Amino acid sequence: MRPEYSLGPRGRQPPSGGDPAVEGLTERQLRRIEQGECRATSAAIVALANAHGLDANAYMERLTKAMQ
């Protein structure tokens, strides 16, 4: 079972203090997305959603609500 990640750059690390890496994204890619230096591709959104234990649609819905 994957740890649940919280959304946002400060929530990148799981509560257990485990590895903060997101499978499918390099640290540089993740940092650039978080800092708004580039837009997330569909593959990046899927990778981030997987890291949060969500499908891409649920992940985008949560992001939308968090940004309102």
PDB file of N, CA and C in Angstrom:
ATOM      1  N   MET A   1       0.843  -1.177   0.000  1.00  0.00           N
ATOM      2  CA  MET A   1       0.000   0.000   0.000  1.00  0.00           C
ATOM      3  C   MET A   1       0.893   1.247   0.000  1.00  0.00           C
ATOM      4  N   ARG A   2       0.587   2.180  -0.872  1.00  0.00           N
ATOM      5  CA  ARG A   2       1.359   3.411  -0.972  1.00  0.00           C
ATOM      6  C   ARG A   2       0.972   4.374   0.141  1.00  0.00           C
ATOM      7  N   PRO A   3       1.935   5.141   0.647  1.00  0.00           N
ATOM      8  CA  PRO A   3       1.582   6.176   1.623  1.00  0.00           C
ATOM      9  C   PRO A   3       0.788   7.260   0.929  1.00  0.00           C
ATOM     10  N   GLU A   4      -0.066   7.934   1.663  1.00  0.00           N
ATOM     11  CA  GLU A   4      -0.860   9.006   1.074  1.00  0.00           C
ATOM     12  C   GLU A   4      -0.079  10.308   1.134  1.00  0.00           C
ATOM     13  N   TYR A   5       0.093  10.942  -0.005  1.00  0.00           N
ATOM     14  CA  TYR A   5       0.791  12.208  -0.088  1.00  0.00           C
ATOM     15  C   TYR A   5      -0.237  13.325  -0.002  1.00  0.00           C
ATOM     16  N   SER A   6       0.141  14.439   0.599  1.00  0.00           N
ATOM     17  CA  SER A   6      -0.728  15.600   0.559  1.00  0.00           C
ATOM     18  C   SER A   6      -0.371  16.406  -0.685  1.00  0.00           C
ATOM     19  N   LEU A   7      -1.289  17.238  -1.144  1.00  0.00           N
ATOM     20  CA  LEU A   7      -1.076  18.001  -2.369  1.00  0.00           C
ATOM     21  C   LEU A   7      -0.217  19.221  -2.101  1.00  0.00           C
ATOM     22  N   GLY A   8       0.558  19.608  -3.088  1.00  0.00           N
ATOM     23  CA  GLY A   8       1.371  20.811  -3.008  1.00  0.00           C
ATOM     24  C   GLY A   8       2.835  20.513  -2.760  1.00  0.00           C
ATOM     25  N   PRO A   9       3.703  21.510  -3.003  1.00  0.00           N
ATOM     26  CA  PRO A   9       5.135  21.286  -2.918  1.00  0.00           C
ATOM     27  C   PRO A   9       5.616  20.891  -1.522  1.00  0.00           C
ATOM     28  N   ARG A  10       4.989  21.400  -0.471  1.00  0.00           N
ATOM     29  CA  ARG A  10       5.416  21.042   0.878  1.00  0.00           C
ATOM     30  C   ARG A  10       4.949  19.650   1.249  1.00  0.00           C
ATOM     31  N   GLY A  11       3.995  19.110   0.515  1.00  0.00           N
ATOM     32  CA  GLY A  11       3.472  17.791   0.815  1.00  0.00           C
ATOM     33  C   GLY A  11       4.085  16.692  -0.009  1.00  0.00           C
ATOM     34  N   ARG A  12       5.211  16.948  -0.620  1.00  0.00           N
ATOM     35  CA  ARG A  12       5.812  15.965  -1.501  1.00  0.00           C
ATOM     36  C   ARG A  12       6.263  14.725  -0.744  1.00  0.00           C
ATOM     37  N   GLN A  13       6.705  14.893   0.474  1.00  0.00           N
ATOM     38  CA  GLN A  13       7.201  13.755   1.240  1.00  0.00           C
ATOM     39  C   GLN A  13       6.049  13.068   1.973  1.00  0.00           C
ATOM     40  N   PRO A  14       5.993  11.738   1.920  1.00  0.00           N
ATOM     41  CA  PRO A  14       4.921  11.028   2.611  1.00  0.00           C
ATOM     42  C   PRO A  14       5.063  11.167   4.123  1.00  0.00           C
ATOM     43  N   PRO A  15       3.974  11.010   4.875  1.00  0.00           N
ATOM     44  CA  PRO A  15       4.013  11.174   6.323  1.00  0.00           C
ATOM     45  C   PRO A  15       5.034  10.281   7.018  1.00  0.00           C
ATOM     46  N   SER A  16       5.330   9.132   6.461  1.00  0.00           N
ATOM     47  CA  SER A  16       6.277   8.208   7.077  1.00  0.00           C
ATOM     48  C   SER A  16       7.719   8.690   6.966  1.00  0.00           C
ATOM     49  N   GLY A  17       7.951   9.772   6.236  1.00  0.00           N
ATOM     50  CA  GLY A  17       9.303  10.269   6.043  1.00  0.00           C
ATOM     51  C   GLY A  17      10.072   9.483   4.993  1.00  0.00           C
ATOM     52  N   GLY A  18       9.351   8.738   4.174  1.00  0.00           N
ATOM     53  CA  GLY A  18       9.981   7.911   3.142  1.00  0.00           C
ATOM     54  C   GLY A  18      10.512   8.725   1.978  1.00  0.00           C
ATOM     55  N   ASP A  19      10.811   8.040   0.906  1.00  0.00           N
ATOM     56  CA  ASP A  19      11.388   8.651  -0.287  1.00  0.00           C
ATOM     57  C   ASP A  19      10.408   9.636  -0.910  1.00  0.00           C
ATOM     58  N   PRO A  20      10.817  10.906  -1.103  1.00  0.00           N
ATOM     59  CA  PRO A  20       9.915  11.908  -1.666  1.00  0.00           C
ATOM     60  C   PRO A  20       9.788  11.847  -3.191  1.00  0.00           C
ATOM     61  N   ALA A  21      10.515  10.942  -3.846  1.00  0.00           N
ATOM     62  CA  ALA A  21      10.512  10.875  -5.306  1.00  0.00           C
ATOM     63  C   ALA A  21       9.138  10.480  -5.845  1.00  0.00           C
ATOM     64  N   VAL A  22       8.835  10.993  -7.019  1.00  0.00           N
ATOM     65  CA  VAL A  22       7.619  10.625  -7.733  1.00  0.00           C
ATOM     66  C   VAL A  22       8.062   9.783  -8.920  1.00  0.00           C
ATOM     67  N   GLU A  23       7.621   8.545  -8.933  1.00  0.00           N
ATOM     68  CA  GLU A  23       8.005   7.640 -10.022  1.00  0.00           C
ATOM     69  C   GLU A  23       7.550   8.205 -11.356  1.00  0.00           C
ATOM     70  N   GLY A  24       8.478   8.294 -12.303  1.00  0.00           N
ATOM     71  CA  GLY A  24       8.169   8.810 -13.630  1.00  0.00           C
ATOM     72  C   GLY A  24       8.565  10.261 -13.823  1.00  0.00           C
ATOM     73  N   LEU A  25       8.972  10.948 -12.741  1.00  0.00           N
ATOM     74  CA  LEU A  25       9.409  12.339 -12.831  1.00  0.00           C
ATOM     75  C   LEU A  25      10.760  12.487 -12.152  1.00  0.00           C
ATOM     76  N   THR A  26      11.620  13.287 -12.746  1.00  0.00           N
ATOM     77  CA  THR A  26      12.881  13.587 -12.083  1.00  0.00           C
ATOM     78  C   THR A  26      12.629  14.680 -11.050  1.00  0.00           C
ATOM     79  N   GLU A  27      13.564  14.842 -10.124  1.00  0.00           N
ATOM     80  CA  GLU A  27      13.450  15.916  -9.137  1.00  0.00           C
ATOM     81  C   GLU A  27      13.380  17.274  -9.842  1.00  0.00           C
ATOM     82  N   ARG A  28      14.150  17.434 -10.913  1.00  0.00           N
ATOM     83  CA  ARG A  28      14.153  18.698 -11.656  1.00  0.00           C
ATOM     84  C   ARG A  28      12.790  18.967 -12.291  1.00  0.00           C
ATOM     85  N   GLN A  29      12.208  17.946 -12.921  1.00  0.00           N
ATOM     86  CA  GLN A  29      10.888  18.120 -13.528  1.00  0.00           C
ATOM     87  C   GLN A  29       9.858  18.503 -12.474  1.00  0.00           C
ATOM     88  N   LEU A  30       9.880  17.803 -11.359  1.00  0.00           N
ATOM     89  CA  LEU A  30       8.922  18.070 -10.290  1.00  0.00           C
ATOM     90  C   LEU A  30       9.101  19.489  -9.756  1.00  0.00           C
ATOM     91  N   ARG A  31      10.323  19.899  -9.521  1.00  0.00           N
ATOM     92  CA  ARG A  31      10.600  21.245  -9.016  1.00  0.00           C
ATOM     93  C   ARG A  31      10.118  22.308 -10.007  1.00  0.00           C
ATOM     94  N   ARG A  32      10.350  22.091 -11.294  1.00  0.00           N
ATOM     95  CA  ARG A  32       9.924  23.073 -12.307  1.00  0.00           C
ATOM     96  C   ARG A  32       8.411  23.186 -12.375  1.00  0.00           C
ATOM     97  N   ILE A  33       7.715  22.060 -12.236  1.00  0.00           N
ATOM     98  CA  ILE A  33       6.242  22.085 -12.218  1.00  0.00           C
ATOM     99  C   ILE A  33       5.762  22.841 -10.983  1.00  0.00           C
ATOM    100  N   GLU A  34       6.321  22.521  -9.817  1.00  0.00           N
ATOM    101  CA  GLU A  34       5.918  23.162  -8.562  1.00  0.00           C
ATOM    102  C   GLU A  34       6.161  24.663  -8.581  1.00  0.00           C
ATOM    103  N   GLN A  35       7.246  25.088  -9.200  1.00  0.00           N
ATOM    104  CA  GLN A  35       7.602  26.508  -9.215  1.00  0.00           C
ATOM    105  C   GLN A  35       6.967  27.262 -10.377  1.00  0.00           C
ATOM    106  N   GLY A  36       6.173  26.574 -11.194  1.00  0.00           N
ATOM    107  CA  GLY A  36       5.492  27.226 -12.304  1.00  0.00           C
ATOM    108  C   GLY A  36       6.394  27.547 -13.478  1.00  0.00           C
ATOM    109  N   GLU A  37       7.553  26.912 -13.537  1.00  0.00           N
ATOM    110  CA  GLU A  37       8.484  27.163 -14.640  1.00  0.00           C
ATOM    111  C   GLU A  37       8.070  26.437 -15.910  1.00  0.00           C
ATOM    112  N   CYS A  38       7.213  25.436 -15.785  1.00  0.00           N
ATOM    113  CA  CYS A  38       6.705  24.727 -16.951  1.00  0.00           C
ATOM    114  C   CYS A  38       5.338  24.145 -16.595  1.00  0.00           C
ATOM    115  N   ARG A  39       4.609  23.778 -17.596  1.00  0.00           N
ATOM    116  CA  ARG A  39       3.299  23.158 -17.381  1.00  0.00           C
ATOM    117  C   ARG A  39       3.464  21.656 -17.275  1.00  0.00           C
ATOM    118  N   ALA A  40       2.616  21.050 -16.476  1.00  0.00           N
ATOM    119  CA  ALA A  40       2.650  19.597 -16.326  1.00  0.00           C
ATOM    120  C   ALA A  40       2.069  18.944 -17.577  1.00  0.00           C
ATOM    121  N   THR A  41       2.775  17.969 -18.096  1.00  0.00           N
ATOM    122  CA  THR A  41       2.258  17.194 -19.227  1.00  0.00           C
ATOM    123  C   THR A  41       1.225  16.205 -18.699  1.00  0.00           C
ATOM    124  N   SER A  42       0.502  15.571 -19.588  1.00  0.00           N
ATOM    125  CA  SER A  42      -0.468  14.558 -19.151  1.00  0.00           C
ATOM    126  C   SER A  42       0.244  13.409 -18.451  1.00  0.00           C
ATOM    127  N   ALA A  43       1.446  13.050 -18.913  1.00  0.00           N
ATOM    128  CA  ALA A  43       2.214  11.987 -18.260  1.00  0.00           C
ATOM    129  C   ALA A  43       2.625  12.404 -16.847  1.00  0.00           C
ATOM    130  N   ALA A  44       2.982  13.670 -16.661  1.00  0.00           N
ATOM    131  CA  ALA A  44       3.350  14.169 -15.334  1.00  0.00           C
ATOM    132  C   ALA A  44       2.142  14.151 -14.405  1.00  0.00           C
ATOM    133  N   ILE A  45       0.976  14.518 -14.918  1.00  0.00           N
ATOM    134  CA  ILE A  45      -0.246  14.505 -14.111  1.00  0.00           C
ATOM    135  C   ILE A  45      -0.570  13.087 -13.666  1.00  0.00           C
ATOM    136  N   VAL A  46      -0.419  12.131 -14.557  1.00  0.00           N
ATOM    137  CA  VAL A  46      -0.662  10.727 -14.207  1.00  0.00           C
ATOM    138  C   VAL A  46       0.336  10.280 -13.139  1.00  0.00           C
ATOM    139  N   ALA A  47       1.611  10.646 -13.289  1.00  0.00           N
ATOM    140  CA  ALA A  47       2.633  10.267 -12.304  1.00  0.00           C
ATOM    141  C   ALA A  47       2.328  10.881 -10.943  1.00  0.00           C
ATOM    142  N   LEU A  48       1.948  12.147 -10.921  1.00  0.00           N
ATOM    143  CA  LEU A  48       1.606  12.812  -9.670  1.00  0.00           C
ATOM    144  C   LEU A  48       0.359  12.196  -9.040  1.00  0.00           C
ATOM    145  N   ALA A  49      -0.633  11.909  -9.860  1.00  0.00           N
ATOM    146  CA  ALA A  49      -1.854  11.276  -9.354  1.00  0.00           C
ATOM    147  C   ALA A  49      -1.534   9.923  -8.734  1.00  0.00           C
ATOM    148  N   ASN A  50      -0.718   9.141  -9.405  1.00  0.00           N
ATOM    149  CA  ASN A  50      -0.323   7.831  -8.874  1.00  0.00           C
ATOM    150  C   ASN A  50       0.402   7.976  -7.540  1.00  0.00           C
ATOM    151  N   ALA A  51       1.264   8.979  -7.431  1.00  0.00           N
ATOM    152  CA  ALA A  51       1.998   9.208  -6.187  1.00  0.00           C
ATOM    153  C   ALA A  51       1.060   9.548  -5.036  1.00  0.00           C
ATOM    154  N   HIS A  52      -0.076  10.164  -5.368  1.00  0.00           N
ATOM    155  CA  HIS A  52      -1.077  10.511  -4.368  1.00  0.00           C
ATOM    156  C   HIS A  52      -2.112   9.405  -4.181  1.00  0.00           C
ATOM    157  N   GLY A  53      -1.972   8.319  -4.917  1.00  0.00           N
ATOM    158  CA  GLY A  53      -2.914   7.216  -4.797  1.00  0.00           C
ATOM    159  C   GLY A  53      -4.265   7.504  -5.432  1.00  0.00           C
ATOM    160  N   LEU A  54      -4.273   8.364  -6.456  1.00  0.00           N
ATOM    161  CA  LEU A  54      -5.514   8.768  -7.125  1.00  0.00           C
ATOM    162  C   LEU A  54      -5.400   8.508  -8.619  1.00  0.00           C
ATOM    163  N   ASP A  55      -6.561   8.488  -9.295  1.00  0.00           N
ATOM    164  CA  ASP A  55      -6.499   8.494 -10.751  1.00  0.00           C
ATOM    165  C   ASP A  55      -6.380   9.958 -11.190  1.00  0.00           C
ATOM    166  N   ALA A  56      -6.032  10.171 -12.435  1.00  0.00           N
ATOM    167  CA  ALA A  56      -5.754  11.529 -12.919  1.00  0.00           C
ATOM    168  C   ALA A  56      -6.953  12.459 -12.762  1.00  0.00           C
ATOM    169  N   ASN A  57      -8.163  11.971 -13.027  1.00  0.00           N
ATOM    170  CA  ASN A  57      -9.352  12.828 -12.901  1.00  0.00           C
ATOM    171  C   ASN A  57      -9.575  13.265 -11.461  1.00  0.00           C
ATOM    172  N   ALA A  58      -9.479  12.340 -10.519  1.00  0.00           N
ATOM    173  CA  ALA A  58      -9.661  12.681  -9.103  1.00  0.00           C
ATOM    174  C   ALA A  58      -8.574  13.646  -8.639  1.00  0.00           C
ATOM    175  N   TYR A  59      -7.343  13.436  -9.109  1.00  0.00           N
ATOM    176  CA  TYR A  59      -6.237  14.319  -8.760  1.00  0.00           C
ATOM    177  C   TYR A  59      -6.505  15.742  -9.253  1.00  0.00           C
ATOM    178  N   MET A  60      -6.937  15.870 -10.501  1.00  0.00           N
ATOM    179  CA  MET A  60      -7.223  17.196 -11.054  1.00  0.00           C
ATOM    180  C   MET A  60      -8.393  17.861 -10.333  1.00  0.00           C
ATOM    181  N   GLU A  61      -9.403  17.089  -9.938  1.00  0.00           N
ATOM    182  CA  GLU A  61     -10.523  17.651  -9.184  1.00  0.00           C
ATOM    183  C   GLU A  61     -10.040  18.210  -7.846  1.00  0.00           C
ATOM    184  N   ARG A  62      -9.162  17.467  -7.167  1.00  0.00           N
ATOM    185  CA  ARG A  62      -8.630  17.931  -5.880  1.00  0.00           C
ATOM    186  C   ARG A  62      -7.777  19.185  -6.061  1.00  0.00           C
ATOM    187  N   LEU A  63      -6.969  19.210  -7.111  1.00  0.00           N
ATOM    188  CA  LEU A  63      -6.163  20.398  -7.372  1.00  0.00           C
ATOM    189  C   LEU A  63      -7.043  21.615  -7.634  1.00  0.00           C
ATOM    190  N   THR A  64      -8.097  21.409  -8.402  1.00  0.00           N
ATOM    191  CA  THR A  64      -9.015  22.501  -8.711  1.00  0.00           C
ATOM    192  C   THR A  64      -9.644  23.051  -7.449  1.00  0.00           C
ATOM    193  N   LYS A  65     -10.111  22.164  -6.574  1.00  0.00           N
ATOM    194  CA  LYS A  65     -10.716  22.605  -5.306  1.00  0.00           C
ATOM    195  C   LYS A  65      -9.696  23.296  -4.430  1.00  0.00           C
ATOM    196  N   ALA A  66      -8.465  22.802  -4.391  1.00  0.00           N
ATOM    197  CA  ALA A  66      -7.424  23.388  -3.555  1.00  0.00           C
ATOM    198  C   ALA A  66      -7.043  24.784  -4.027  1.00  0.00           C
ATOM    199  N   MET A  67      -7.202  25.046  -5.305  1.00  0.00           N
ATOM    200  CA  MET A  67      -6.803  26.337  -5.864  1.00  0.00           C
ATOM    201  C   MET A  67      -7.905  27.396  -5.769  1.00  0.00           C
ATOM    202  N   GLN A  68      -9.091  26.999  -5.387  1.00  0.00           N
ATOM    203  CA  GLN A  68     -10.211  27.948  -5.313  1.00  0.00           C
ATOM    204  C   GLN A  68     -10.201  28.724  -4.019  1.00  0.00           C
TER     205      GLN A  68
END
